[in-house]
Amino acid sequence: MARDFTSVGVIGLGTMGAGIVEVFARNGIDVVAVEAGAEALAHGREVLAASTGRALRREKLTQDEYDALHAHIRYTTDLADLAGCQLVLEAVPEQLELKKEIFARLDEVVSPEAVLATNTSSLPVTEIAVATRNPKRVVGMHFFNPAPVLQFVEVIRTVVTAEDVFDDVKALAERLGKQPVVVGDKAGFIANALLFGYLNHAVSMYESRYATREDLDAAMRYGCGYPMGPLALLDLIGLDTAYEILDTMYRQGRDRLHAPSPIIKQMVSAGMLGRKSGRGFYTYAEPGSPEVVPDAQTPSGAVPAGIALREVATVGVVGSGTMATGIIEVFAKAGYPVTFVARSEEKVAAVVTAIGRSCARAVEKGRMDQEAADALLGRVAGVTGREALAGVDLVVEAVAEDLGVKQELFRDLDRICRPGAVLATTTSSLPIIDCAKVTSRPQDVIGMHFFNPAQVMRLVEVVHTVSTAPEVLATVQDLCGRIGKVAVTCGDRSGFIVNALLFPYLNDAVKMLEANYASADDIDTAMKTGCGLPMGPFELLDVVGLDVSLAIERELYVELREPGYAPAPLLEHLVTAGYLGRKSGRGFRTYG
């Protein structure tokens, strides 16, 4: 007969534990909330009062619901008060010996039928379970922070967990309004195993000064739609917690990509733990505050001293595809006269028609008036000959991702364009220096990687080579602001920021599926509901195209020579079979 959990215990009333207490009490379950001492217990009460108070003020709880919730909670510092609980869940710090000690003591307190659960995010549940006399009743129940808000729970089954224990805990998670996903006892489970490799990679980029903390975070927020950038997220999680999770994952899996970046340990040793200490990658108004305050690393936004911006009054675009069309519209909307070059009159007409349709939709939806739409179209001129670009101040190429094609174009632009004109490529994967080197002016060549659709996506990766002149970099950074884009700056390395962080994460998800650890649906659910990402990895891979994804992953692997970046064999096989995602009707899923 299935257990009907009416009384549960929660040990540990930090942010996570207090949130779990709230979840149980909101659902009419009596909770015995335990902390080690009176001071910690009082702090736990304050955390819970603050959370429920916010819900009351925002009318997410009525006064009656608020009162009933708190009536379900009993606070104590004595483990013996857990004797009558049908389930006890621990949410203490991620220290294996501490958790094992607690579970061993619980053996002496609760009834033989009671279920023991751990909220660990990375430690082996099996090792915790064997600290008890009956490891069959031990299960992982990993909530995500903030527990009252996030709907995802990982239910971790060990090799000895009894089937009825596992089934009853999964049913309890559903009763709490959560989406439980069942996984085996592997470090990091689903969400953290995928999330922390990505976070660690971002820290490595920061540590090597490849990009600033602001640019790394902006890149993933504006380029991928993530709710937080990786370094801001680490500050929220806590760098000490992040270090423990990464170290545990590395020791269990020996994947070098999970070896904590050295700077994480250094920051933890210095007491820079993130928001909770008032300083981590960013500096906060006070410990526990979400308000970021300027510090020595905060960019001024001003043009560097001694740098004179080049004038950009007219723009040329080479290309007539979706990306080129979007870039033309962006510049024209910002008030720049744009001359674009297409291969035929038909393609010229198609671009103008597409921009006209886009303007008409904007007028229809009230985002633009007819006068502004007419003015935008009046600033666009299409030609079939590159010679028309002789007088422009900036040329952006958006032709095929073929190095030979781009190099031929840059040789021609070098011949045609006036001295001092900025030559930009919107390549997403090719080395920009390979385009620059075929010109007599590599100092004028730069990357302006727009994201598709360019009219909508706010991010532009501004990529400088070893030859790019400082005034060219500053000019393009300034220009991005003038056309309403968020510029992030990085060096000329495969994947730049976004793809270099995104695609190894997607590759890890494929490897997880390939290992039969979890289904594509469960992995997508974990990353969307547990981490707040707009799409799960397999949804995203099918949208991007498996062939495109494989090509990017191969580029990253060849340039960075990191074994962990080698494309998963499953991805290779799907592409070989012609399963390319939505565009072919089948990828990781089948489409009608």
Protein backbone atom coordinates (compact mmCIF):
# COMPACT_ATOMS: atom_id res chain seq x y z
CA MET A 1 0.00 0.00 0.00
CA ALA A 2 1.39 3.40 -0.98
CA ARG A 3 2.53 5.66 1.84
CA ASP A 4 0.39 8.73 2.52
CA PHE A 5 2.94 11.22 3.79
CA THR A 6 1.21 13.50 6.34
CA SER A 7 4.21 14.31 8.53
CA VAL A 8 7.72 14.96 7.27
CA GLY A 9 10.95 16.25 8.74
CA VAL A 10 13.46 18.62 7.11
CA ILE A 11 16.99 18.92 8.52
CA GLY A 12 18.82 22.11 7.61
CA LEU A 13 17.08 25.47 7.24
CA GLY A 14 19.35 27.35 4.90
CA THR A 15 17.84 28.86 1.74
CA MET A 16 17.28 25.41 0.24
CA GLY A 17 15.97 23.70 3.36
CA ALA A 18 13.65 26.57 4.29
CA GLY A 19 12.27 26.52 0.75
CA ILE A 20 11.57 22.78 0.98
CA VAL A 21 9.78 23.30 4.33
CA GLU A 22 7.60 25.91 2.62
CA VAL A 23 6.77 23.54 -0.24
CA PHE A 24 5.62 20.77 2.12
CA ALA A 25 3.65 23.13 4.40
CA ARG A 26 1.95 24.84 1.43
CA ASN A 27 0.60 21.44 0.47
CA GLY A 28 -0.95 20.73 3.88
CA ILE A 29 1.80 18.45 5.18
CA ASP A 30 2.98 18.81 8.79
CA VAL A 31 6.69 19.63 8.93
CA VAL A 32 9.21 19.26 11.72
CA ALA A 33 11.96 21.74 10.82
CA VAL A 34 15.34 20.98 12.42
CA GLU A 35 18.51 23.01 12.80
CA ALA A 36 21.70 22.37 14.75
CA GLY A 37 21.43 25.33 17.13
CA ALA A 38 19.16 28.13 18.28
CA GLU A 39 20.87 30.79 16.14
CA ALA A 40 20.63 28.73 12.95
CA LEU A 41 17.02 27.86 13.79
CA ALA A 42 16.15 31.54 14.18
CA HIS A 43 17.83 32.33 10.86
CA GLY A 44 15.80 29.56 9.19
CA ARG A 45 12.59 31.05 10.58
CA GLU A 46 13.62 34.44 9.16
CA VAL A 47 14.31 32.95 5.70
CA LEU A 48 10.90 31.26 5.67
CA ALA A 49 9.12 34.35 6.99
CA ALA A 50 10.74 36.50 4.30
CA SER A 51 9.73 34.12 1.50
CA THR A 52 6.14 33.63 2.62
CA GLY A 53 5.83 37.33 3.45
CA ARG A 54 6.78 38.22 -0.13
CA ALA A 55 4.19 35.74 -1.42
CA LEU A 56 1.56 37.32 0.83
CA ARG A 57 2.40 40.86 -0.30
CA ARG A 58 2.30 39.81 -3.94
CA GLU A 59 -1.05 38.10 -3.35
CA LYS A 60 0.32 34.69 -4.25
CA LEU A 61 -0.90 33.60 -0.81
CA THR A 62 -4.04 34.72 1.01
CA GLN A 63 -3.83 35.58 4.72
CA ASP A 64 -5.66 32.32 5.54
CA GLU A 65 -3.22 30.30 3.41
CA TYR A 66 -0.29 32.10 5.02
CA ASP A 67 -1.58 31.33 8.52
CA ALA A 68 -2.34 27.70 7.63
CA LEU A 69 1.13 27.25 6.10
CA HIS A 70 2.89 28.41 9.26
CA ALA A 71 0.56 26.35 11.46
CA HIS A 72 1.91 23.21 9.75
CA ILE A 73 5.52 23.94 10.82
CA ARG A 74 7.15 23.03 14.14
CA TYR A 75 10.72 24.21 14.77
CA THR A 76 13.23 22.30 16.85
CA THR A 77 16.93 21.69 17.46
CA ASP A 78 16.37 18.11 18.64
CA LEU A 79 16.53 15.24 16.14
CA ALA A 80 14.42 13.17 18.54
CA ASP A 81 11.42 15.30 17.55
CA LEU A 82 11.51 13.56 14.15
CA ALA A 83 10.40 10.24 15.69
CA GLY A 84 6.88 10.40 14.27
CA CYS A 85 7.78 11.54 10.75
CA GLN A 86 7.05 9.26 7.80
CA LEU A 87 9.77 10.89 5.71
CA VAL A 88 12.84 12.86 6.73
CA LEU A 89 14.76 14.91 4.15
CA GLU A 90 18.17 16.43 4.87
CA ALA A 91 19.29 19.69 3.27
CA VAL A 92 22.56 20.32 5.11
CA PRO A 93 25.82 21.51 3.46
CA GLU A 94 27.37 19.32 0.74
CA GLN A 95 29.74 17.41 3.05
CA LEU A 96 29.60 13.64 2.73
CA GLU A 97 30.72 12.83 6.29
CA LEU A 98 28.18 15.27 7.76
CA LYS A 99 25.35 13.71 5.78
CA LYS A 100 26.44 10.16 6.69
CA GLU A 101 26.54 11.11 10.38
CA ILE A 102 23.00 12.54 10.19
CA PHE A 103 21.63 9.45 8.45
CA ALA A 104 23.26 7.15 10.97
CA ARG A 105 21.65 9.12 13.82
CA LEU A 106 18.26 9.08 12.07
CA ASP A 107 18.38 5.28 12.18
CA GLU A 108 18.10 5.55 15.96
CA VAL A 109 15.20 8.03 15.88
CA VAL A 110 12.62 7.25 13.18
CA SER A 111 10.50 4.16 12.72
CA PRO A 112 11.76 1.29 10.51
CA GLU A 113 9.10 2.16 7.91
CA ALA A 114 10.10 5.83 7.57
CA VAL A 115 11.74 6.95 4.33
CA LEU A 116 15.05 8.83 4.49
CA ALA A 117 15.81 11.29 1.66
CA THR A 118 18.77 13.49 0.78
CA ASN A 119 18.61 16.74 -1.15
CA THR A 120 22.24 16.40 -2.24
CA SER A 121 22.96 17.90 -5.63
CA SER A 122 26.13 15.96 -6.34
CA LEU A 123 27.24 13.54 -3.62
CA PRO A 124 26.75 9.78 -4.10
CA VAL A 125 23.38 8.83 -2.58
CA THR A 126 24.59 5.23 -2.25
CA GLU A 127 27.42 6.26 0.06
CA ILE A 128 24.97 8.19 2.23
CA ALA A 129 22.54 5.25 2.23
CA VAL A 130 25.08 2.68 3.46
CA ALA A 131 25.63 4.75 6.59
CA THR A 132 22.23 3.42 7.70
CA ARG A 133 21.22 -0.07 8.79
CA ASN A 134 18.59 -0.21 6.05
CA PRO A 135 19.86 1.49 2.87
CA LYS A 136 16.79 0.24 0.97
CA ARG A 137 14.73 3.07 2.44
CA VAL A 138 17.12 5.83 1.33
CA VAL A 139 16.43 7.87 -1.80
CA GLY A 140 17.58 11.15 -3.35
CA MET A 141 15.03 13.96 -3.62
CA HIS A 142 16.85 16.89 -5.20
CA PHE A 143 14.85 20.11 -5.23
CA PHE A 144 16.03 23.17 -7.13
CA ASN A 145 16.50 26.67 -5.75
CA PRO A 146 14.18 28.47 -5.07
CA ALA A 147 12.21 25.34 -4.12
CA PRO A 148 8.80 27.06 -3.83
CA VAL A 149 9.12 28.37 -7.41
CA LEU A 150 10.97 25.79 -9.50
CA GLN A 151 8.83 22.84 -10.53
CA PHE A 152 11.57 20.29 -11.08
CA VAL A 153 12.68 17.52 -8.69
CA GLU A 154 15.26 14.85 -9.45
CA VAL A 155 14.37 11.55 -7.76
CA ILE A 156 17.56 9.52 -7.42
CA ARG A 157 17.33 5.77 -7.13
CA THR A 158 20.35 3.81 -5.91
CA VAL A 159 21.02 0.17 -6.75
CA VAL A 160 19.52 -0.81 -3.38
CA THR A 161 16.55 1.59 -3.10
CA ALA A 162 13.35 -0.41 -2.58
CA GLU A 163 10.86 -0.08 -5.43
CA ASP A 164 8.00 0.98 -3.15
CA VAL A 165 10.16 3.70 -1.54
CA PHE A 166 11.09 5.08 -4.91
CA ASP A 167 7.49 4.96 -6.20
CA ASP A 168 6.09 6.66 -3.10
CA VAL A 169 8.64 9.50 -3.20
CA LYS A 170 7.99 10.08 -6.89
CA ALA A 171 4.24 10.23 -6.17
CA LEU A 172 4.91 12.68 -3.32
CA ALA A 173 6.83 14.98 -5.68
CA GLU A 174 3.85 14.94 -8.05
CA ARG A 175 1.49 15.68 -5.14
CA LEU A 176 3.64 18.74 -4.37
CA GLY A 177 3.00 20.01 -7.91
CA LYS A 178 6.51 19.19 -9.11
CA GLN A 179 7.73 17.47 -12.25
CA PRO A 180 9.82 14.53 -11.02
CA VAL A 181 12.46 13.00 -13.25
CA VAL A 182 13.94 9.65 -12.30
CA VAL A 183 17.71 9.21 -12.51
CA GLY A 184 20.45 6.91 -11.32
CA ASP A 185 23.07 7.69 -8.71
CA LYS A 186 25.69 9.52 -10.79
CA ALA A 187 27.50 12.69 -9.72
CA GLY A 188 25.58 15.78 -10.71
CA PHE A 189 22.55 13.74 -11.79
CA ILE A 190 21.04 15.41 -14.92
CA ALA A 191 20.88 19.15 -14.36
CA ASN A 192 24.11 19.77 -12.46
CA ALA A 193 26.09 17.34 -14.61
CA LEU A 194 25.19 19.47 -17.65
CA LEU A 195 25.05 22.87 -15.96
CA PHE A 196 28.35 22.84 -14.07
CA GLY A 197 30.51 21.85 -17.02
CA TYR A 198 29.16 24.94 -18.79
CA LEU A 199 29.68 27.15 -15.72
CA ASN A 200 33.23 25.88 -15.24
CA HIS A 201 34.03 26.60 -18.90
CA ALA A 202 32.77 30.18 -18.49
CA VAL A 203 35.04 30.61 -15.45
CA SER A 204 38.00 29.37 -17.51
CA MET A 205 37.23 32.01 -20.17
CA TYR A 206 37.12 34.69 -17.48
CA GLU A 207 40.27 33.42 -15.79
CA SER A 208 42.23 33.50 -19.06
CA ARG A 209 40.92 37.04 -19.74
CA TYR A 210 39.36 35.91 -22.98
CA ALA A 211 36.28 37.99 -22.12
CA THR A 212 35.10 40.13 -19.22
CA ARG A 213 32.58 38.90 -16.68
CA GLU A 214 29.99 41.38 -18.05
CA ASP A 215 30.52 40.20 -21.64
CA LEU A 216 30.37 36.50 -20.73
CA ASP A 217 27.09 37.01 -18.87
CA ALA A 218 25.56 39.30 -21.51
CA ALA A 219 26.51 36.86 -24.27
CA MET A 220 24.49 34.01 -22.78
CA ARG A 221 21.57 36.18 -21.72
CA TYR A 222 21.13 37.97 -25.03
CA GLY A 223 22.50 35.26 -27.34
CA CYS A 224 20.73 32.24 -25.81
CA GLY A 225 17.92 33.79 -23.78
CA TYR A 226 19.27 32.38 -20.51
CA PRO A 227 17.73 33.98 -17.40
CA MET A 228 21.18 34.65 -15.92
CA GLY A 229 24.72 34.72 -17.19
CA PRO A 230 27.09 31.98 -15.93
CA LEU A 231 29.15 34.11 -13.54
CA ALA A 232 26.12 35.84 -12.01
CA LEU A 233 24.56 32.38 -11.59
CA LEU A 234 27.66 31.09 -9.81
CA ASP A 235 27.49 34.05 -7.44
CA LEU A 236 23.85 33.13 -6.72
CA ILE A 237 24.63 29.43 -6.16
CA GLY A 238 27.66 30.20 -4.01
CA LEU A 239 31.22 29.58 -5.11
CA ASP A 240 31.86 27.24 -2.18
CA THR A 241 28.88 25.12 -3.22
CA ALA A 242 29.97 25.23 -6.85
CA TYR A 243 33.47 24.11 -5.92
CA GLU A 244 32.15 21.14 -3.91
CA ILE A 245 29.85 20.08 -6.75
CA LEU A 246 32.57 20.32 -9.42
CA ASP A 247 35.13 18.58 -7.22
CA THR A 248 32.71 15.73 -6.48
CA MET A 249 31.84 15.35 -10.17
CA TYR A 250 35.52 15.36 -11.14
CA ARG A 251 36.53 12.79 -8.51
CA GLN A 252 33.72 10.47 -9.58
CA GLY A 253 33.93 10.86 -13.36
CA ARG A 254 37.54 12.07 -13.90
CA ASP A 255 36.32 14.37 -16.66
CA ARG A 256 38.87 17.20 -16.90
CA LEU A 257 36.09 19.61 -17.88
CA HIS A 258 34.68 19.17 -14.35
CA ALA A 259 37.99 19.89 -12.60
CA PRO A 260 37.22 23.18 -10.82
CA SER A 261 38.95 26.16 -12.42
CA PRO A 262 41.74 27.21 -10.01
CA ILE A 263 40.28 30.67 -9.52
CA ILE A 264 37.15 29.18 -7.90
CA LYS A 265 39.20 27.63 -5.09
CA GLN A 266 41.21 30.84 -4.70
CA MET A 267 38.03 32.92 -4.38
CA VAL A 268 36.54 30.50 -1.85
CA SER A 269 39.73 30.63 0.21
CA ALA A 270 39.53 34.44 0.14
CA GLY A 271 35.93 34.36 1.39
CA MET A 272 34.54 35.57 -1.94
CA LEU A 273 31.57 33.21 -2.01
CA GLY A 274 29.16 35.20 -4.15
CA ARG A 275 26.00 37.04 -3.11
CA LYS A 276 25.89 35.52 0.37
CA SER A 277 29.26 37.04 1.29
CA GLY A 278 28.72 40.27 -0.66
CA ARG A 279 31.47 39.54 -3.15
CA GLY A 280 32.15 36.90 -5.77
CA PHE A 281 32.68 37.51 -9.46
CA TYR A 282 30.71 40.70 -8.84
CA THR A 283 30.49 42.99 -5.82
CA TYR A 284 27.12 43.36 -4.05
CA ALA A 285 25.63 46.15 -1.92
CA GLU A 286 25.83 43.91 1.16
CA PRO A 287 25.96 40.20 2.00
CA GLY A 288 22.83 38.50 0.70
CA SER A 289 21.84 41.43 -1.52
CA PRO A 290 21.12 40.90 -5.23
CA GLU A 291 22.16 44.50 -6.01
CA VAL A 292 25.40 44.64 -7.99
CA VAL A 293 27.55 47.71 -7.24
CA PRO A 294 30.47 49.04 -9.30
CA ASP A 295 33.96 47.86 -8.46
CA ALA A 296 37.43 48.01 -10.02
CA GLN A 297 36.42 45.64 -12.84
CA THR A 298 33.26 47.49 -13.85
CA PRO A 299 33.69 48.88 -17.39
CA SER A 300 33.35 52.64 -17.71
CA GLY A 301 31.69 52.51 -21.11
CA ALA A 302 33.85 55.40 -22.26
CA VAL A 303 36.09 55.30 -25.31
CA PRO A 304 39.66 54.53 -24.13
CA ALA A 305 41.96 57.52 -23.81
CA GLY A 306 43.93 58.28 -26.94
CA ILE A 307 41.51 56.41 -29.24
CA ALA A 308 39.73 58.38 -31.97
CA LEU A 309 36.61 56.69 -33.34
CA ARG A 310 36.33 56.36 -37.09
CA GLU A 311 33.30 57.98 -38.65
CA VAL A 312 30.62 55.56 -39.83
CA ALA A 313 27.97 57.41 -41.84
CA THR A 314 27.29 54.89 -44.62
CA VAL A 315 27.17 51.10 -44.57
CA GLY A 316 27.57 48.35 -47.14
CA VAL A 317 26.33 44.76 -46.77
CA VAL A 318 27.35 41.86 -49.00
CA GLY A 319 24.83 39.03 -49.17
CA SER A 320 21.13 38.46 -49.71
CA GLY A 321 20.25 35.61 -47.36
CA THR A 322 18.22 35.74 -44.15
CA MET A 323 21.13 37.03 -42.06
CA ALA A 324 22.17 39.68 -44.59
CA THR A 325 18.57 40.88 -44.96
CA GLY A 326 18.24 41.24 -41.20
CA ILE A 327 21.50 43.18 -40.91
CA ILE A 328 20.46 45.56 -43.71
CA GLU A 329 17.17 46.24 -41.91
CA VAL A 330 18.93 46.82 -38.56
CA PHE A 331 21.28 49.46 -39.98
CA ALA A 332 18.57 51.15 -42.05
CA LYS A 333 16.22 51.28 -39.06
CA ALA A 334 18.99 52.99 -37.05
CA GLY A 335 19.19 55.72 -39.70
CA TYR A 336 22.16 54.55 -41.78
CA PRO A 337 22.03 54.61 -45.60
CA VAL A 338 22.76 51.00 -46.64
CA THR A 339 24.03 49.77 -49.98
CA PHE A 340 23.76 46.01 -50.30
CA VAL A 341 25.23 43.72 -52.94
CA ALA A 342 23.39 40.63 -54.18
CA ARG A 343 24.26 38.26 -57.02
CA SER A 344 21.28 39.08 -59.24
CA GLU A 345 18.48 41.59 -59.72
CA GLU A 346 16.02 38.91 -58.57
CA LYS A 347 17.88 38.57 -55.26
CA VAL A 348 18.01 42.37 -54.89
CA ALA A 349 14.23 42.51 -55.35
CA ALA A 350 13.71 39.62 -52.90
CA VAL A 351 15.67 41.44 -50.16
CA VAL A 352 13.73 44.69 -50.65
CA THR A 353 10.46 42.74 -50.62
CA ALA A 354 11.41 40.92 -47.41
CA ILE A 355 12.33 44.19 -45.66
CA GLY A 356 9.10 45.75 -46.90
CA ARG A 357 7.08 42.86 -45.44
CA SER A 358 8.91 43.19 -42.12
CA CYS A 359 8.15 46.92 -42.01
CA ALA A 360 4.50 46.30 -42.87
CA ARG A 361 4.20 43.83 -39.98
CA ALA A 362 5.79 46.38 -37.63
CA VAL A 363 3.31 49.07 -38.79
CA GLU A 364 0.39 46.65 -38.39
CA LYS A 365 1.46 45.81 -34.81
CA GLY A 366 2.01 49.46 -33.91
CA ARG A 367 5.76 49.16 -33.46
CA MET A 368 6.45 51.63 -36.30
CA ASP A 369 4.43 54.26 -38.15
CA GLN A 370 4.11 54.32 -41.92
CA GLU A 371 6.32 57.37 -42.28
CA ALA A 372 9.18 55.64 -40.44
CA ALA A 373 8.69 52.50 -42.54
CA ASP A 374 8.87 54.49 -45.77
CA ALA A 375 11.99 56.30 -44.54
CA LEU A 376 13.65 52.98 -43.64
CA LEU A 377 13.02 51.56 -47.10
CA GLY A 378 14.27 54.83 -48.64
CA ARG A 379 17.65 54.27 -46.99
CA VAL A 380 18.11 50.84 -48.64
CA ALA A 381 19.70 50.53 -52.10
CA GLY A 382 20.41 47.18 -53.72
CA VAL A 383 23.02 46.57 -56.45
CA THR A 384 24.67 43.60 -58.15
CA GLY A 385 28.18 45.05 -58.41
CA ARG A 386 30.64 45.38 -55.51
CA GLU A 387 32.14 48.57 -56.99
CA ALA A 388 29.19 50.45 -55.44
CA LEU A 389 30.83 49.94 -52.04
CA ALA A 390 33.82 52.15 -52.91
CA GLY A 391 32.71 55.06 -50.72
CA VAL A 392 31.07 53.38 -47.70
CA ASP A 393 32.58 53.62 -44.20
CA LEU A 394 31.78 50.05 -43.10
CA VAL A 395 31.17 46.82 -45.01
CA VAL A 396 29.59 43.80 -43.33
CA GLU A 397 29.78 40.54 -45.26
CA ALA A 398 27.16 37.83 -44.70
CA VAL A 399 27.92 35.36 -47.48
CA ALA A 400 28.28 31.57 -47.28
CA GLU A 401 30.32 30.04 -44.40
CA ASP A 402 33.07 28.99 -46.80
CA LEU A 403 36.56 30.31 -46.17
CA GLY A 404 37.47 30.36 -49.86
CA VAL A 405 34.37 32.39 -50.72
CA LYS A 406 35.01 34.87 -47.92
CA GLN A 407 38.70 35.27 -48.77
CA GLU A 408 37.88 36.03 -52.41
CA LEU A 409 35.39 38.66 -51.20
CA PHE A 410 37.88 40.28 -48.80
CA ARG A 411 40.53 40.51 -51.52
CA ASP A 412 37.99 42.34 -53.66
CA LEU A 413 36.86 44.62 -50.82
CA ASP A 414 40.52 45.47 -50.17
CA ARG A 415 40.78 46.62 -53.79
CA ILE A 416 37.45 48.48 -53.86
CA CYS A 417 36.95 50.13 -50.48
CA ARG A 418 38.42 53.45 -49.49
CA PRO A 419 41.39 53.58 -47.09
CA GLY A 420 40.18 53.54 -43.49
CA ALA A 421 36.91 51.73 -44.21
CA VAL A 422 36.11 49.03 -41.64
CA LEU A 423 35.73 45.54 -43.12
CA ALA A 424 33.60 43.22 -40.97
CA THR A 425 32.60 39.57 -41.23
CA THR A 426 29.58 38.04 -39.53
CA THR A 427 31.06 34.54 -39.57
CA SER A 428 30.03 32.37 -36.64
CA SER A 429 32.85 29.85 -36.85
CA LEU A 430 35.64 30.68 -39.30
CA PRO A 431 38.92 32.33 -38.16
CA ILE A 432 38.64 36.04 -38.84
CA ILE A 433 42.40 36.39 -39.19
CA ASP A 434 42.18 34.11 -42.27
CA CYS A 435 39.98 36.75 -43.92
CA ALA A 436 42.15 39.63 -42.69
CA LYS A 437 45.43 38.18 -43.93
CA VAL A 438 44.40 38.25 -47.61
CA THR A 439 44.00 42.06 -47.44
CA SER A 440 46.66 44.76 -47.31
CA ARG A 441 44.91 46.23 -44.26
CA PRO A 442 44.38 43.50 -41.63
CA GLN A 443 44.16 46.24 -38.99
CA ASP A 444 40.79 47.27 -40.48
CA VAL A 445 39.22 43.77 -40.34
CA ILE A 446 36.97 42.72 -37.46
CA GLY A 447 34.18 40.27 -36.63
CA MET A 448 30.59 41.44 -36.13
CA HIS A 449 28.73 38.23 -35.38
CA PHE A 450 25.00 39.00 -35.44
CA PHE A 451 22.52 36.40 -34.21
CA ASN A 452 19.55 35.18 -36.20
CA PRO A 453 17.09 36.83 -36.67
CA ALA A 454 19.24 39.96 -36.61
CA GLN A 455 16.21 42.26 -36.40
CA VAL A 456 15.18 40.60 -33.11
CA MET A 457 18.30 39.29 -31.39
CA ARG A 458 20.10 42.03 -29.48
CA LEU A 459 23.54 40.44 -29.24
CA VAL A 460 26.53 41.12 -31.47
CA GLU A 461 29.85 39.41 -30.75
CA VAL A 462 32.60 41.90 -31.64
CA VAL A 463 35.64 39.78 -32.42
CA HIS A 464 39.11 41.29 -32.70
CA THR A 465 42.11 39.53 -34.22
CA VAL A 466 45.74 40.00 -33.20
CA SER A 467 45.94 42.59 -36.00
CA THR A 468 42.74 44.60 -35.40
CA ALA A 469 43.48 48.27 -34.66
CA PRO A 470 42.23 49.54 -31.28
CA GLU A 471 40.27 52.37 -32.94
CA VAL A 472 38.49 49.85 -35.20
CA LEU A 473 37.46 47.79 -32.15
CA ALA A 474 36.26 50.89 -30.30
CA THR A 475 34.40 52.14 -33.39
CA VAL A 476 32.47 48.88 -33.83
CA GLN A 477 31.68 48.64 -30.11
CA ASP A 478 30.26 52.17 -30.22
CA LEU A 479 28.38 51.46 -33.44
CA CYS A 480 26.63 48.44 -31.92
CA GLY A 481 25.13 50.69 -29.26
CA ARG A 482 23.97 53.13 -31.93
CA ILE A 483 22.06 50.39 -33.78
CA GLY A 484 20.43 49.12 -30.57
CA LYS A 485 22.60 46.07 -30.02
CA VAL A 486 24.47 44.73 -27.00
CA ALA A 487 28.13 44.30 -27.95
CA VAL A 488 30.28 41.68 -26.26
CA THR A 489 33.96 41.58 -27.07
CA CYS A 490 36.28 38.59 -27.41
CA GLY A 491 39.31 37.32 -29.28
CA ASP A 492 39.44 35.42 -32.55
CA ARG A 493 38.96 31.89 -31.26
CA SER A 494 36.69 29.11 -32.47
CA GLY A 495 33.11 29.55 -31.27
CA PHE A 496 33.78 33.03 -29.83
CA ILE A 497 31.76 33.20 -26.57
CA VAL A 498 28.27 31.86 -27.22
CA ASN A 499 28.98 28.83 -29.39
CA ALA A 500 32.08 27.93 -27.37
CA LEU A 501 29.95 27.73 -24.21
CA LEU A 502 26.75 26.39 -25.76
CA PHE A 503 27.88 23.52 -27.96
CA PRO A 504 30.03 21.57 -25.46
CA TYR A 505 26.96 21.63 -23.16
CA LEU A 506 24.76 20.33 -25.99
CA ASN A 507 27.39 17.66 -26.74
CA ASP A 508 27.38 16.58 -23.08
CA ALA A 509 23.60 16.18 -23.26
CA VAL A 510 23.95 13.88 -26.29
CA LYS A 511 26.58 11.82 -24.44
CA MET A 512 24.20 11.51 -21.47
CA LEU A 513 21.45 10.24 -23.78
CA GLU A 514 23.90 7.94 -25.53
CA ALA A 515 24.84 6.40 -22.16
CA ASN A 516 21.14 5.66 -21.50
CA TYR A 517 21.31 7.63 -18.24
CA ALA A 518 18.13 9.57 -19.04
CA SER A 519 15.70 10.09 -21.92
CA ALA A 520 15.72 13.13 -24.21
CA ASP A 521 12.40 14.21 -22.70
CA ASP A 522 13.71 13.97 -19.14
CA ILE A 523 16.93 15.84 -19.99
CA ASP A 524 14.96 18.61 -21.72
CA THR A 525 12.59 18.82 -18.74
CA ALA A 526 15.52 19.01 -16.33
CA MET A 527 17.18 21.92 -18.10
CA LYS A 528 13.97 23.86 -18.76
CA THR A 529 12.23 23.47 -15.42
CA GLY A 530 15.30 22.97 -13.22
CA CYS A 531 17.58 25.60 -14.76
CA GLY A 532 15.04 27.94 -16.37
CA LEU A 533 16.47 27.61 -19.87
CA PRO A 534 14.16 28.58 -22.75
CA MET A 535 14.68 25.26 -24.56
CA GLY A 536 16.01 21.85 -23.62
CA PRO A 537 19.21 20.70 -25.34
CA PHE A 538 17.49 18.28 -27.73
CA GLU A 539 14.80 20.77 -28.68
CA LEU A 540 17.55 23.27 -29.44
CA LEU A 541 19.69 20.82 -31.40
CA ASP A 542 16.72 19.92 -33.60
CA VAL A 543 16.02 23.64 -34.23
CA VAL A 544 19.65 24.54 -35.00
CA GLY A 545 20.11 21.47 -37.21
CA LEU A 546 22.18 18.45 -36.28
CA ASP A 547 24.50 18.94 -39.26
CA VAL A 548 25.17 22.58 -38.28
CA SER A 549 25.72 21.53 -34.66
CA LEU A 550 28.11 18.78 -35.66
CA ALA A 551 30.12 21.16 -37.86
CA ILE A 552 30.49 23.65 -34.98
CA GLU A 553 31.48 20.91 -32.54
CA ARG A 554 34.11 19.63 -34.97
CA GLU A 555 35.54 23.15 -35.32
CA LEU A 556 35.77 23.54 -31.54
CA TYR A 557 37.41 20.14 -31.14
CA VAL A 558 39.96 20.72 -33.90
CA GLU A 559 40.99 24.15 -32.61
CA LEU A 560 40.93 23.57 -28.84
CA ARG A 561 42.05 19.90 -28.91
CA GLU A 562 40.02 19.17 -25.79
CA PRO A 563 39.04 15.45 -25.71
CA GLY A 564 35.77 16.29 -23.97
CA TYR A 565 34.71 18.40 -26.97
CA ALA A 566 34.91 15.50 -29.44
CA PRO A 567 31.43 15.18 -30.99
CA ALA A 568 29.33 12.39 -29.49
CA PRO A 569 29.17 9.36 -31.84
CA LEU A 570 25.36 9.41 -31.63
CA LEU A 571 25.30 12.90 -33.18
CA GLU A 572 27.65 11.74 -35.96
CA HIS A 573 25.41 8.73 -36.67
CA LEU A 574 22.20 10.77 -36.83
CA VAL A 575 23.74 13.21 -39.30
CA THR A 576 25.08 10.33 -41.42
CA ALA A 577 21.56 8.87 -41.50
CA GLY A 578 20.15 12.20 -42.71
CA TYR A 579 18.31 12.92 -39.45
CA LEU A 580 19.10 16.64 -39.27
CA GLY A 581 16.33 17.90 -36.99
CA ARG A 582 13.20 19.85 -37.80
CA LYS A 583 14.32 20.76 -41.32
CA SER A 584 14.48 17.07 -42.33
CA GLY A 585 11.45 15.99 -40.27
CA ARG A 586 13.51 13.89 -37.90
CA GLY A 587 16.34 14.46 -35.45
CA PHE A 588 16.24 13.54 -31.80
CA ARG A 589 12.47 13.67 -32.26
CA THR A 590 10.21 13.03 -35.24
CA TYR A 591 8.20 15.92 -36.71
CA GLY A 592 5.00 15.80 -38.72
